[in-house]
Protein backbone atom coordinates (compact mmCIF):
# COMPACT_ATOMS: atom_id res chain seq x y z
CA MET A 1 2.67 5.99 -22.39
CA LYS A 2 4.21 9.50 -21.02
CA TRP A 3 2.28 11.38 -18.52
CA LEU A 4 2.19 13.95 -20.76
CA ASP A 5 1.33 12.47 -24.16
CA TYR A 6 -2.58 12.27 -22.54
CA ASN A 7 -4.88 15.11 -22.91
CA GLU A 8 -6.10 17.28 -19.63
CA SER A 9 -9.86 15.27 -19.74
CA THR A 10 -7.92 12.02 -19.58
CA GLN A 11 -5.31 13.07 -17.54
CA GLN A 12 -8.67 14.81 -14.65
CA TYR A 13 -10.48 11.17 -15.60
CA ILE A 14 -6.95 9.18 -14.02
CA LEU A 15 -6.47 11.07 -11.39
CA GLU A 16 -10.30 11.01 -9.92
CA HIS A 17 -10.20 7.38 -10.40
CA TRP A 18 -6.24 7.54 -8.56
CA GLU A 19 -8.25 9.43 -5.56
CA LYS A 20 -10.86 6.77 -5.26
CA VAL A 21 -8.44 4.48 -5.13
CA ARG A 22 -6.47 6.77 -2.46
CA GLY A 23 -8.76 6.93 -0.68
CA MET A 24 -8.80 3.12 0.22
CA ILE A 25 -5.28 2.72 1.26
CA PRO A 26 -5.64 3.81 4.81
CA ASP A 27 -8.43 1.23 5.01
CA LYS A 28 -6.16 -1.64 3.85
CA ILE A 29 -3.23 -0.25 5.95
CA ILE A 30 -5.10 -0.44 8.99
CA GLU A 31 -6.38 -4.02 7.76
CA PHE A 32 -2.81 -5.18 7.02
CA GLU A 33 -1.91 -3.82 10.38
CA GLY A 34 -4.75 -5.93 11.99
CA ARG A 35 -3.19 -9.01 10.63
CA ILE A 36 0.42 -8.25 11.61
CA ASN A 37 -1.07 -8.21 15.59
CA HIS A 38 -2.63 -11.23 14.65
CA LYS A 39 0.86 -12.66 13.48
CA GLN A 40 2.74 -11.38 16.57
CA ASP A 41 0.20 -12.55 19.57
CA ALA A 42 0.87 -16.05 17.46
CA LEU A 43 4.79 -15.42 17.41
CA ALA A 44 5.05 -14.30 20.86
CA GLN A 45 3.23 -17.97 21.73
CA GLU A 46 5.09 -19.76 19.25
CA GLU A 47 8.09 -22.75 20.54
CA ASP A 48 9.17 -23.68 17.06
CA PHE A 49 12.11 -21.79 16.29
CA GLU A 50 10.84 -23.05 11.64
CA LYS A 51 7.31 -21.62 12.39
CA SER A 52 8.33 -18.45 14.65
CA CYS A 53 10.89 -17.63 11.65
CA GLN A 54 7.61 -18.06 8.81
CA LEU A 55 6.07 -15.86 10.89
CA ASN A 56 8.70 -13.57 11.31
CA HIS A 57 9.00 -13.59 7.18
CA GLU A 58 4.92 -12.71 7.18
CA ILE A 59 4.66 -10.22 9.59
CA SER A 60 8.00 -8.34 7.72
CA GLU A 61 6.15 -9.05 4.33
CA LEU A 62 3.25 -7.02 5.42
CA ALA A 63 5.41 -4.36 7.39
CA SER A 64 6.46 -3.67 3.37
CA ARG A 65 2.90 -3.66 1.74
CA ILE A 66 2.16 -1.01 4.12
CA ASN A 67 5.41 0.77 3.74
CA ASP A 68 4.49 0.81 0.16
CA LEU A 69 1.13 2.13 0.29
CA TRP A 70 2.19 4.91 2.26
CA ILE A 71 4.64 6.06 -0.18
CA TRP A 72 1.67 5.22 -3.18
CA TYR A 73 -0.43 7.56 -1.02
CA ARG A 74 1.34 10.27 -0.87
CA THR A 75 1.83 10.64 -4.02
CA THR A 76 0.22 13.06 -5.62
CA PRO A 77 0.12 14.20 -9.60
CA GLU A 78 -1.57 16.62 -11.00
CA ILE A 79 -2.52 17.63 -14.23
CA LYS A 80 0.21 19.09 -16.88
CA LYS A 81 -0.01 20.43 -20.08
CA LYS A 82 2.91 20.15 -22.81
CA ASP A 83 4.56 22.89 -23.90
């Protein structure tokens, strides 16, 4: 279903729910940053190449999630009426 197919009250309800979810994004980013820091500390001590590669991969995945969350956080939908 397209955004304009929803009536204004449904759009408003969705936007209110989105704002609640959106408000949790910075906390999730902080959590992921903490996990990255922990993995970077482990990486600094790791001598096994395979384990180092795995840690680098995990760090990259978390960084990608953070990037995606920032994109979602900056998304600001609005109520629109059908013409």
